[in-house]
Amino acid sequence: MDGTKVTVNGLTDIFSELSTEGRAANSTTADEIMNRLEARQNYIPSSEITRREYRHLLLKEYQEYLSAHAGGA
């Protein structure tokens, strides 16, 4: 968001799980990514504006993951 790099525990695993489940990159999946990250004790911003930006970035990363793994799964 502001250029700060953070470590997100289990993100690749979550993306893999969602991809295996056939989940498309959409708002429902973005919510699920956030839920799974929280379940794995990752920090999720409390500010609604920041959460929205974070959610958008995670969805973008998931779209990139799907593109990178298309045809290879």
N, C-alpha and C. Protein backbone atom coordinates (compact mmCIF):
# COMPACT_ATOMS: atom_id res chain seq x y z
N MET A 1 0.82 -1.18 0.00
CA MET A 1 0.00 0.00 0.00
C MET A 1 0.87 1.25 0.00
N ASP A 2 1.80 1.31 0.96
CA ASP A 2 2.69 2.47 1.03
C ASP A 2 4.13 2.09 0.72
N GLY A 3 4.31 0.90 0.16
CA GLY A 3 5.65 0.43 -0.16
C GLY A 3 6.28 -0.42 0.92
N THR A 4 5.63 -0.52 2.08
CA THR A 4 6.13 -1.33 3.17
C THR A 4 5.94 -2.80 2.82
N LYS A 5 6.99 -3.59 3.01
CA LYS A 5 6.90 -5.03 2.78
C LYS A 5 6.57 -5.72 4.09
N VAL A 6 5.66 -6.67 4.01
CA VAL A 6 5.27 -7.43 5.19
C VAL A 6 5.31 -8.92 4.86
N THR A 7 5.48 -9.72 5.89
CA THR A 7 5.41 -11.16 5.72
C THR A 7 4.00 -11.61 6.05
N VAL A 8 3.43 -12.40 5.16
CA VAL A 8 2.08 -12.91 5.36
C VAL A 8 2.20 -14.43 5.47
N ASN A 9 1.96 -14.95 6.65
CA ASN A 9 2.11 -16.38 6.89
C ASN A 9 1.03 -17.18 6.18
N GLY A 10 1.47 -18.13 5.36
CA GLY A 10 0.56 -19.07 4.72
C GLY A 10 -0.14 -18.56 3.47
N LEU A 11 0.27 -17.42 2.94
CA LEU A 11 -0.44 -16.85 1.80
C LEU A 11 -0.38 -17.77 0.57
N THR A 12 0.79 -18.29 0.27
CA THR A 12 0.91 -19.19 -0.88
C THR A 12 0.06 -20.43 -0.69
N ASP A 13 0.03 -20.95 0.53
CA ASP A 13 -0.81 -22.12 0.82
C ASP A 13 -2.28 -21.80 0.62
N ILE A 14 -2.69 -20.62 1.07
CA ILE A 14 -4.09 -20.20 0.91
C ILE A 14 -4.43 -20.08 -0.57
N PHE A 15 -3.54 -19.46 -1.34
CA PHE A 15 -3.78 -19.32 -2.78
C PHE A 15 -3.88 -20.69 -3.43
N SER A 16 -3.02 -21.62 -3.04
CA SER A 16 -3.05 -22.97 -3.59
C SER A 16 -4.36 -23.66 -3.25
N GLU A 17 -4.80 -23.54 -1.99
CA GLU A 17 -6.06 -24.15 -1.57
C GLU A 17 -7.23 -23.60 -2.38
N LEU A 18 -7.27 -22.27 -2.51
CA LEU A 18 -8.37 -21.63 -3.24
C LEU A 18 -8.37 -22.04 -4.71
N SER A 19 -7.18 -22.11 -5.29
CA SER A 19 -7.06 -22.51 -6.68
C SER A 19 -7.55 -23.95 -6.86
N THR A 20 -7.14 -24.83 -5.96
CA THR A 20 -7.57 -26.23 -6.00
C THR A 20 -9.08 -26.34 -5.87
N GLU A 21 -9.67 -25.45 -5.07
CA GLU A 21 -11.12 -25.42 -4.89
C GLU A 21 -11.83 -24.80 -6.10
N GLY A 22 -11.06 -24.30 -7.05
CA GLY A 22 -11.65 -23.69 -8.25
C GLY A 22 -12.20 -22.29 -8.03
N ARG A 23 -11.69 -21.61 -6.99
CA ARG A 23 -12.19 -20.27 -6.66
C ARG A 23 -11.66 -19.23 -7.63
N ALA A 24 -12.56 -18.47 -8.23
CA ALA A 24 -12.19 -17.37 -9.12
C ALA A 24 -11.73 -16.18 -8.30
N ALA A 25 -11.02 -15.29 -8.95
CA ALA A 25 -10.56 -14.06 -8.29
C ALA A 25 -11.71 -13.05 -8.32
N ASN A 26 -12.47 -13.01 -7.22
CA ASN A 26 -13.59 -12.09 -7.12
C ASN A 26 -13.74 -11.63 -5.67
N SER A 27 -14.74 -10.81 -5.40
CA SER A 27 -14.88 -10.24 -4.06
C SER A 27 -15.16 -11.29 -2.99
N THR A 28 -15.88 -12.34 -3.33
CA THR A 28 -16.14 -13.41 -2.37
C THR A 28 -14.84 -14.11 -1.99
N THR A 29 -14.01 -14.35 -2.98
CA THR A 29 -12.72 -14.98 -2.72
C THR A 29 -11.81 -14.06 -1.92
N ALA A 30 -11.86 -12.77 -2.20
CA ALA A 30 -11.06 -11.80 -1.43
C ALA A 30 -11.45 -11.86 0.05
N ASP A 31 -12.74 -11.95 0.32
CA ASP A 31 -13.20 -12.08 1.71
C ASP A 31 -12.68 -13.36 2.33
N GLU A 32 -12.69 -14.44 1.56
CA GLU A 32 -12.21 -15.73 2.06
C GLU A 32 -10.71 -15.68 2.35
N ILE A 33 -9.95 -15.00 1.49
CA ILE A 33 -8.51 -14.85 1.74
C ILE A 33 -8.30 -14.14 3.07
N MET A 34 -9.03 -13.05 3.28
CA MET A 34 -8.92 -12.30 4.54
C MET A 34 -9.26 -13.20 5.73
N ASN A 35 -10.35 -13.96 5.62
CA ASN A 35 -10.76 -14.85 6.71
C ASN A 35 -9.69 -15.90 7.02
N ARG A 36 -9.14 -16.49 5.98
CA ARG A 36 -8.11 -17.53 6.18
C ARG A 36 -6.82 -16.93 6.74
N LEU A 37 -6.49 -15.72 6.33
CA LEU A 37 -5.31 -15.07 6.89
C LEU A 37 -5.51 -14.80 8.38
N GLU A 38 -6.69 -14.32 8.74
CA GLU A 38 -6.99 -14.07 10.16
C GLU A 38 -6.92 -15.37 10.95
N ALA A 39 -7.43 -16.45 10.38
CA ALA A 39 -7.42 -17.75 11.06
C ALA A 39 -5.99 -18.24 11.29
N ARG A 40 -5.06 -17.78 10.47
CA ARG A 40 -3.65 -18.17 10.62
C ARG A 40 -2.87 -17.13 11.41
N GLN A 41 -3.59 -16.31 12.14
CA GLN A 41 -2.99 -15.33 13.06
C GLN A 41 -2.19 -14.23 12.36
N ASN A 42 -2.53 -13.92 11.11
CA ASN A 42 -1.90 -12.80 10.43
C ASN A 42 -2.58 -11.51 10.86
N TYR A 43 -1.82 -10.44 10.88
CA TYR A 43 -2.36 -9.13 11.19
C TYR A 43 -3.23 -8.66 10.03
N ILE A 44 -4.44 -8.25 10.35
CA ILE A 44 -5.35 -7.66 9.37
C ILE A 44 -5.69 -6.27 9.88
N PRO A 45 -5.49 -5.24 9.07
CA PRO A 45 -5.76 -3.87 9.52
C PRO A 45 -7.19 -3.70 10.01
N SER A 46 -7.36 -2.86 11.03
CA SER A 46 -8.70 -2.64 11.57
C SER A 46 -9.43 -1.49 10.89
N SER A 47 -8.69 -0.54 10.33
CA SER A 47 -9.29 0.58 9.62
C SER A 47 -10.01 0.08 8.37
N GLU A 48 -11.26 0.47 8.19
CA GLU A 48 -12.03 0.01 7.04
C GLU A 48 -11.37 0.41 5.71
N ILE A 49 -10.84 1.60 5.65
CA ILE A 49 -10.17 2.06 4.42
C ILE A 49 -8.94 1.20 4.15
N THR A 50 -8.15 0.96 5.18
CA THR A 50 -6.94 0.15 5.02
C THR A 50 -7.29 -1.29 4.69
N ARG A 51 -8.33 -1.82 5.34
CA ARG A 51 -8.78 -3.19 5.04
C ARG A 51 -9.18 -3.31 3.57
N ARG A 52 -9.88 -2.32 3.07
CA ARG A 52 -10.33 -2.34 1.67
C ARG A 52 -9.12 -2.35 0.72
N GLU A 53 -8.12 -1.52 1.02
CA GLU A 53 -6.91 -1.48 0.19
C GLU A 53 -6.15 -2.81 0.27
N TYR A 54 -6.04 -3.35 1.48
CA TYR A 54 -5.34 -4.61 1.71
C TYR A 54 -6.05 -5.74 0.96
N ARG A 55 -7.37 -5.76 1.05
CA ARG A 55 -8.19 -6.75 0.36
C ARG A 55 -7.96 -6.67 -1.15
N HIS A 56 -7.93 -5.45 -1.67
CA HIS A 56 -7.70 -5.23 -3.10
C HIS A 56 -6.33 -5.77 -3.51
N LEU A 57 -5.31 -5.49 -2.71
CA LEU A 57 -3.96 -5.97 -3.02
C LEU A 57 -3.88 -7.49 -2.96
N LEU A 58 -4.53 -8.09 -1.98
CA LEU A 58 -4.52 -9.55 -1.88
C LEU A 58 -5.22 -10.18 -3.08
N LEU A 59 -6.31 -9.58 -3.51
CA LEU A 59 -7.03 -10.10 -4.67
C LEU A 59 -6.16 -9.98 -5.93
N LYS A 60 -5.45 -8.87 -6.06
CA LYS A 60 -4.53 -8.69 -7.19
C LYS A 60 -3.44 -9.76 -7.17
N GLU A 61 -2.90 -10.01 -5.98
CA GLU A 61 -1.87 -11.06 -5.84
C GLU A 61 -2.44 -12.43 -6.20
N TYR A 62 -3.68 -12.70 -5.81
CA TYR A 62 -4.31 -13.98 -6.15
C TYR A 62 -4.51 -14.10 -7.66
N GLN A 63 -4.92 -13.01 -8.30
CA GLN A 63 -5.07 -13.02 -9.76
C GLN A 63 -3.73 -13.35 -10.42
N GLU A 64 -2.65 -12.75 -9.92
CA GLU A 64 -1.32 -13.02 -10.46
C GLU A 64 -0.92 -14.48 -10.22
N TYR A 65 -1.27 -15.00 -9.05
CA TYR A 65 -0.99 -16.40 -8.73
C TYR A 65 -1.71 -17.31 -9.74
N LEU A 66 -2.99 -17.03 -9.97
CA LEU A 66 -3.76 -17.85 -10.91
C LEU A 66 -3.15 -17.79 -12.31
N SER A 67 -2.75 -16.61 -12.74
CA SER A 67 -2.14 -16.46 -14.07
C SER A 67 -0.83 -17.24 -14.16
N ALA A 68 -0.03 -17.16 -13.13
CA ALA A 68 1.27 -17.84 -13.11
C ALA A 68 1.12 -19.36 -13.09
N HIS A 69 0.01 -19.84 -12.53
CA HIS A 69 -0.18 -21.28 -12.38
C HIS A 69 -1.20 -21.85 -13.38
N ALA A 70 -1.65 -21.02 -14.30
CA ALA A 70 -2.63 -21.47 -15.30
C ALA A 70 -1.99 -22.55 -16.18
N GLY A 71 -2.70 -23.64 -16.31
CA GLY A 71 -2.21 -24.72 -17.15
C GLY A 71 -1.20 -25.62 -16.48
N GLY A 72 -0.66 -25.17 -15.35
CA GLY A 72 0.34 -25.97 -14.66
C GLY A 72 -0.23 -26.78 -13.52
N ALA A 73 -1.50 -26.57 -13.23
CA ALA A 73 -2.11 -27.26 -12.09
C ALA A 73 -2.62 -28.61 -12.48
